[in-house]
Structures are given as structure tokens and as C-alpha cells.
Amino acid sequence: MSDNTPATSQAITDNQALLAKAAAVLMLLAMLTGILVASAMTGQLAANPHSMLASHVNAITGACWLGVLGWSLPWVRLGPAGLKRLTVLTMVPCYANWAVTLSKAFLGVVGVGLSKDPDNNLIFVLLGALVVGPAIAATATWSWALLRKGLVAAS
């Protein structure tokens, strides 16, 4: 099916359901991570409490992003294949941001630049490849598909 064909209502509904499930699971992970935050802040868990808190907030933010994307799909001017790609492209950085930030809390690294520390460099590469790059691609695609003319969204 060509991506110049407007998405059917079924394609929209299927992607909305996937995004809703992904958002719910990510929100659950956020809440469970919140328990770890308390343990890290009280010294009961050997992890950086600030990175742990960032992971918690990243999961909440990611869950909200997935929910808003799902809500907006009726106005996104992409074909069925494009909707699926956008859905997956958005899910990857949302989950990766939570997971990579949680990992760096235990590794005790910052991961925002290259250094002599291999753990730091791994986090830096993972953040770029799984979070920053896909997040920019997803938001650019989403914005373009909402603003573009041509395809009529399914009703």
C-alpha cells in the first residue's frame, strides 16, 4: 500500500491502541522507578539519585508523548505504513530514554560527551543512537505530517 494513500480509520485505531498500551506500560515503569528513586535518595540503593529521578521523569514524559501522539493520529497525514513507522519511531526513544538513563544511574556516569570512561562512552552512544536521533526524526515527521497538505485524514 502506498504511503500516499490516506490511513484508514482501522489503521489509525490500531496505532492508537498500540500507543495507548505502550504509554500505560511506560507509565507503570515510571511509577516503579519512583520507588527506586526513594531508595537511591536514602542511600539504600547504590545508584545516582539524580539520574534515577531523571529516568523516572523521562518515563512520565515519554508516556505523555505517546498518549498525545495517539490522540493526534486522526490529523496526521500519513498512509498506514507511515503511521506505523511514526508509532514505532516514537516508541523507541521514549523507552530508550527511560532505560538508558536508568542504566547510567547505576553506572555512575553522565553520558553527555565522550571521555576516557568506556561506560560513559557507551551511554553517550546509546543516548545519541536510541534517544536523540530517533526523537528528532519522530518529532520532525510528526510535525511535518500534521502540517502538510494533500492527504485528507480519515474520518
C-alpha atoms as a PDB file:
ATOM      1  CA  MET A   1       0.000   0.000   0.000  1.00  0.00           C
ATOM      2  CA  SER A   2       1.413   3.379  -0.985  1.00  0.00           C
ATOM      3  CA  ASP A   3       2.139   5.900   1.720  1.00  0.00           C
ATOM      4  CA  ASN A   4       0.287   8.430  -0.444  1.00  0.00           C
ATOM      5  CA  THR A   5      -2.928   6.638   0.443  1.00  0.00           C
ATOM      6  CA  PRO A   6      -4.631   8.180   3.467  1.00  0.00           C
ATOM      7  CA  ALA A   7      -4.666   5.961   6.522  1.00  0.00           C
ATOM      8  CA  THR A   8      -7.899   4.123   7.144  1.00  0.00           C
ATOM      9  CA  SER A   9      -9.803   4.528  10.363  1.00  0.00           C
ATOM     10  CA  GLN A  10      -8.715   0.988  11.253  1.00  0.00           C
ATOM     11  CA  ALA A  11      -5.024   1.846  10.760  1.00  0.00           C
ATOM     12  CA  ILE A  12      -5.465   4.884  12.986  1.00  0.00           C
ATOM     13  CA  THR A  13      -7.297   2.872  15.658  1.00  0.00           C
ATOM     14  CA  ASP A  14      -4.699   0.083  15.578  1.00  0.00           C
ATOM     15  CA  ASN A  15      -1.845   2.546  16.086  1.00  0.00           C
ATOM     16  CA  GLN A  16      -3.770   4.414  18.779  1.00  0.00           C
ATOM     17  CA  ALA A  17      -4.264   1.132  20.647  1.00  0.00           C
ATOM     18  CA  LEU A  18      -0.565   0.295  20.368  1.00  0.00           C
ATOM     19  CA  LEU A  19       0.410   3.761  21.593  1.00  0.00           C
ATOM     20  CA  ALA A  20      -2.070   3.573  24.495  1.00  0.00           C
ATOM     21  CA  LYS A  21      -0.634   0.234  25.613  1.00  0.00           C
ATOM     22  CA  ALA A  22       2.938   1.490  25.232  1.00  0.00           C
ATOM     23  CA  ALA A  23       2.083   4.626  27.239  1.00  0.00           C
ATOM     24  CA  ALA A  24       0.434   2.613  30.022  1.00  0.00           C
ATOM     25  CA  VAL A  25       3.399   0.240  30.373  1.00  0.00           C
ATOM     26  CA  LEU A  26       5.885   3.113  30.315  1.00  0.00           C
ATOM     27  CA  MET A  27       3.878   4.943  32.992  1.00  0.00           C
ATOM     28  CA  LEU A  28       3.951   1.789  35.118  1.00  0.00           C
ATOM     29  CA  LEU A  29       7.729   1.633  34.652  1.00  0.00           C
ATOM     30  CA  ALA A  30       7.882   5.292  35.725  1.00  0.00           C
ATOM     31  CA  MET A  31       5.990   4.549  38.926  1.00  0.00           C
ATOM     32  CA  LEU A  32       8.165   1.530  39.715  1.00  0.00           C
ATOM     33  CA  THR A  33      11.266   3.617  39.029  1.00  0.00           C
ATOM     34  CA  GLY A  34       9.899   6.143  41.519  1.00  0.00           C
ATOM     35  CA  ILE A  35      10.258   3.508  44.225  1.00  0.00           C
ATOM     36  CA  LEU A  36      13.900   3.074  43.226  1.00  0.00           C
ATOM     37  CA  VAL A  37      14.377   6.856  43.401  1.00  0.00           C
ATOM     38  CA  ALA A  38      13.440   6.848  47.077  1.00  0.00           C
ATOM     39  CA  SER A  39      15.872   4.003  47.741  1.00  0.00           C
ATOM     40  CA  ALA A  40      18.671   5.803  45.901  1.00  0.00           C
ATOM     41  CA  MET A  41      17.980   9.083  47.715  1.00  0.00           C
ATOM     42  CA  THR A  42      18.155   7.393  51.115  1.00  0.00           C
ATOM     43  CA  GLY A  43      21.343   5.511  50.250  1.00  0.00           C
ATOM     44  CA  GLN A  44      19.678   2.089  50.343  1.00  0.00           C
ATOM     45  CA  LEU A  45      20.414   1.603  46.641  1.00  0.00           C
ATOM     46  CA  ALA A  46      23.857   2.190  45.133  1.00  0.00           C
ATOM     47  CA  ALA A  47      22.778   4.466  42.296  1.00  0.00           C
ATOM     48  CA  ASN A  48      22.954   8.153  41.422  1.00  0.00           C
ATOM     49  CA  PRO A  49      19.667   9.555  42.769  1.00  0.00           C
ATOM     50  CA  HIS A  50      19.627  12.443  40.283  1.00  0.00           C
ATOM     51  CA  SER A  51      19.950  10.155  37.264  1.00  0.00           C
ATOM     52  CA  MET A  52      17.407   7.816  38.830  1.00  0.00           C
ATOM     53  CA  LEU A  53      14.971  10.719  39.225  1.00  0.00           C
ATOM     54  CA  ALA A  54      15.682  11.781  35.642  1.00  0.00           C
ATOM     55  CA  SER A  55      14.809   8.270  34.468  1.00  0.00           C
ATOM     56  CA  HIS A  56      11.532   8.443  36.406  1.00  0.00           C
ATOM     57  CA  VAL A  57      10.652  11.810  34.834  1.00  0.00           C
ATOM     58  CA  ASN A  58      11.765  10.622  31.374  1.00  0.00           C
ATOM     59  CA  ALA A  59       9.320   7.726  31.588  1.00  0.00           C
ATOM     60  CA  ILE A  60       6.456  10.004  32.651  1.00  0.00           C
ATOM     61  CA  THR A  61       7.265  12.441  29.845  1.00  0.00           C
ATOM     62  CA  GLY A  62       7.589   9.615  27.323  1.00  0.00           C
ATOM     63  CA  ALA A  63       4.239   8.141  28.348  1.00  0.00           C
ATOM     64  CA  CYS A  64       2.616  11.545  27.855  1.00  0.00           C
ATOM     65  CA  TRP A  65       4.284  11.939  24.445  1.00  0.00           C
ATOM     66  CA  LEU A  66       2.969   8.531  23.345  1.00  0.00           C
ATOM     67  CA  GLY A  67      -0.520   9.447  24.541  1.00  0.00           C
ATOM     68  CA  VAL A  68      -0.566  12.790  22.739  1.00  0.00           C
ATOM     69  CA  LEU A  69       0.738  11.187  19.551  1.00  0.00           C
ATOM     70  CA  GLY A  70      -2.055   8.611  19.724  1.00  0.00           C
ATOM     71  CA  TRP A  71      -4.633  11.322  20.270  1.00  0.00           C
ATOM     72  CA  SER A  72      -3.352  13.306  17.280  1.00  0.00           C
ATOM     73  CA  LEU A  73      -3.245  10.430  14.764  1.00  0.00           C
ATOM     74  CA  PRO A  74      -6.558  11.343  13.066  1.00  0.00           C
ATOM     75  CA  TRP A  75      -4.912  14.594  11.904  1.00  0.00           C
ATOM     76  CA  VAL A  76      -1.560  13.078  10.940  1.00  0.00           C
ATOM     77  CA  ARG A  77      -1.387  12.979   7.161  1.00  0.00           C
ATOM     78  CA  LEU A  78       0.431   9.714   6.571  1.00  0.00           C
ATOM     79  CA  GLY A  79      -0.577   6.456   4.990  1.00  0.00           C
ATOM     80  CA  PRO A  80      -0.937   3.247   7.021  1.00  0.00           C
ATOM     81  CA  ALA A  81       2.754   2.320   6.676  1.00  0.00           C
ATOM     82  CA  GLY A  82       3.812   5.847   7.616  1.00  0.00           C
ATOM     83  CA  LEU A  83       1.608   5.792  10.713  1.00  0.00           C
ATOM     84  CA  LYS A  84       3.147   2.508  11.827  1.00  0.00           C
ATOM     85  CA  ARG A  85       6.674   3.825  11.240  1.00  0.00           C
ATOM     86  CA  LEU A  86       5.901   7.009  13.183  1.00  0.00           C
ATOM     87  CA  THR A  87       4.396   4.983  16.023  1.00  0.00           C
ATOM     88  CA  VAL A  88       7.453   2.736  16.355  1.00  0.00           C
ATOM     89  CA  LEU A  89       9.893   5.597  15.741  1.00  0.00           C
ATOM     90  CA  THR A  90       8.327   7.434  18.693  1.00  0.00           C
ATOM     91  CA  MET A  91       8.178   4.414  20.988  1.00  0.00           C
ATOM     92  CA  VAL A  92      11.916   3.722  20.630  1.00  0.00           C
ATOM     93  CA  PRO A  93      13.220   6.987  22.154  1.00  0.00           C
ATOM     94  CA  CYS A  94      10.526   7.038  24.842  1.00  0.00           C
ATOM     95  CA  TYR A  95      11.518   3.639  26.190  1.00  0.00           C
ATOM     96  CA  ALA A  96      15.228   4.086  25.492  1.00  0.00           C
ATOM     97  CA  ASN A  97      15.331   7.396  27.361  1.00  0.00           C
ATOM     98  CA  TRP A  98      13.961   5.658  30.443  1.00  0.00           C
ATOM     99  CA  ALA A  99      16.194   2.577  30.131  1.00  0.00           C
ATOM    100  CA  VAL A 100      19.469   4.297  29.234  1.00  0.00           C
ATOM    101  CA  THR A 101      19.050   6.949  31.935  1.00  0.00           C
ATOM    102  CA  LEU A 102      18.222   4.245  34.484  1.00  0.00           C
ATOM    103  CA  SER A 103      21.353   2.357  33.415  1.00  0.00           C
ATOM    104  CA  LYS A 104      23.554   5.406  33.774  1.00  0.00           C
ATOM    105  CA  ALA A 105      22.261   5.863  37.333  1.00  0.00           C
ATOM    106  CA  PHE A 106      23.810   2.515  38.245  1.00  0.00           C
ATOM    107  CA  LEU A 107      26.964   3.072  36.197  1.00  0.00           C
ATOM    108  CA  GLY A 108      27.594   6.462  37.817  1.00  0.00           C
ATOM    109  CA  VAL A 109      28.336   8.253  34.556  1.00  0.00           C
ATOM    110  CA  VAL A 110      26.929  11.363  32.896  1.00  0.00           C
ATOM    111  CA  GLY A 111      26.990  10.203  29.282  1.00  0.00           C
ATOM    112  CA  VAL A 112      26.633  13.618  27.649  1.00  0.00           C
ATOM    113  CA  GLY A 113      30.056  13.612  25.999  1.00  0.00           C
ATOM    114  CA  LEU A 114      32.897  11.282  25.133  1.00  0.00           C
ATOM    115  CA  SER A 115      35.573  10.648  27.747  1.00  0.00           C
ATOM    116  CA  LYS A 116      38.149   8.013  28.699  1.00  0.00           C
ATOM    117  CA  ASP A 117      35.484   6.043  30.595  1.00  0.00           C
ATOM    118  CA  PRO A 118      34.058   3.231  28.421  1.00  0.00           C
ATOM    119  CA  ASP A 119      30.805   3.121  30.424  1.00  0.00           C
ATOM    120  CA  ASN A 120      30.309   6.846  29.874  1.00  0.00           C
ATOM    121  CA  ASN A 121      31.026   6.452  26.162  1.00  0.00           C
ATOM    122  CA  LEU A 122      28.543   3.582  25.867  1.00  0.00           C
ATOM    123  CA  ILE A 123      25.817   5.702  27.462  1.00  0.00           C
ATOM    124  CA  PHE A 124      26.730   8.632  25.210  1.00  0.00           C
ATOM    125  CA  VAL A 125      26.445   6.477  22.075  1.00  0.00           C
ATOM    126  CA  LEU A 126      23.202   4.844  23.234  1.00  0.00           C
ATOM    127  CA  LEU A 127      21.624   8.207  24.039  1.00  0.00           C
ATOM    128  CA  GLY A 128      22.548   9.541  20.610  1.00  0.00           C
ATOM    129  CA  ALA A 129      21.531   6.443  18.666  1.00  0.00           C
ATOM    130  CA  LEU A 130      18.399   5.430  20.568  1.00  0.00           C
ATOM    131  CA  VAL A 131      17.110   8.682  22.056  1.00  0.00           C
ATOM    132  CA  VAL A 132      18.317  11.896  20.432  1.00  0.00           C
ATOM    133  CA  GLY A 133      18.389  10.788  16.796  1.00  0.00           C
ATOM    134  CA  PRO A 134      15.066   8.912  16.806  1.00  0.00           C
ATOM    135  CA  ALA A 135      13.370  11.626  18.902  1.00  0.00           C
ATOM    136  CA  ILE A 136      14.353  14.328  16.419  1.00  0.00           C
ATOM    137  CA  ALA A 137      13.277  12.142  13.490  1.00  0.00           C
ATOM    138  CA  ALA A 138       9.955  11.298  15.156  1.00  0.00           C
ATOM    139  CA  THR A 139       9.078  14.871  16.119  1.00  0.00           C
ATOM    140  CA  ALA A 140      10.101  16.201  12.696  1.00  0.00           C
ATOM    141  CA  THR A 141       7.983  13.558  10.953  1.00  0.00           C
ATOM    142  CA  TRP A 142       5.051  14.152  13.283  1.00  0.00           C
ATOM    143  CA  SER A 143       5.185  17.931  12.795  1.00  0.00           C
ATOM    144  CA  TRP A 144       5.554  17.608   9.017  1.00  0.00           C
ATOM    145  CA  ALA A 145       2.685  15.113   8.814  1.00  0.00           C
ATOM    146  CA  LEU A 146       0.396  17.368  10.837  1.00  0.00           C
ATOM    147  CA  LEU A 147       1.247  20.472   8.805  1.00  0.00           C
ATOM    148  CA  ARG A 148       1.435  19.001   5.293  1.00  0.00           C
ATOM    149  CA  LYS A 149      -1.265  19.463   2.730  1.00  0.00           C
ATOM    150  CA  GLY A 150      -2.622  16.835   0.402  1.00  0.00           C
ATOM    151  CA  LEU A 151      -3.803  13.710   2.106  1.00  0.00           C
ATOM    152  CA  VAL A 152      -7.105  14.006   3.862  1.00  0.00           C
ATOM    153  CA  ALA A 153      -7.176  12.419   7.266  1.00  0.00           C
ATOM    154  CA  ALA A 154      -9.597   9.540   7.706  1.00  0.00           C
ATOM    155  CA  SER A 155     -12.883  10.357   9.330  1.00  0.00           C
END
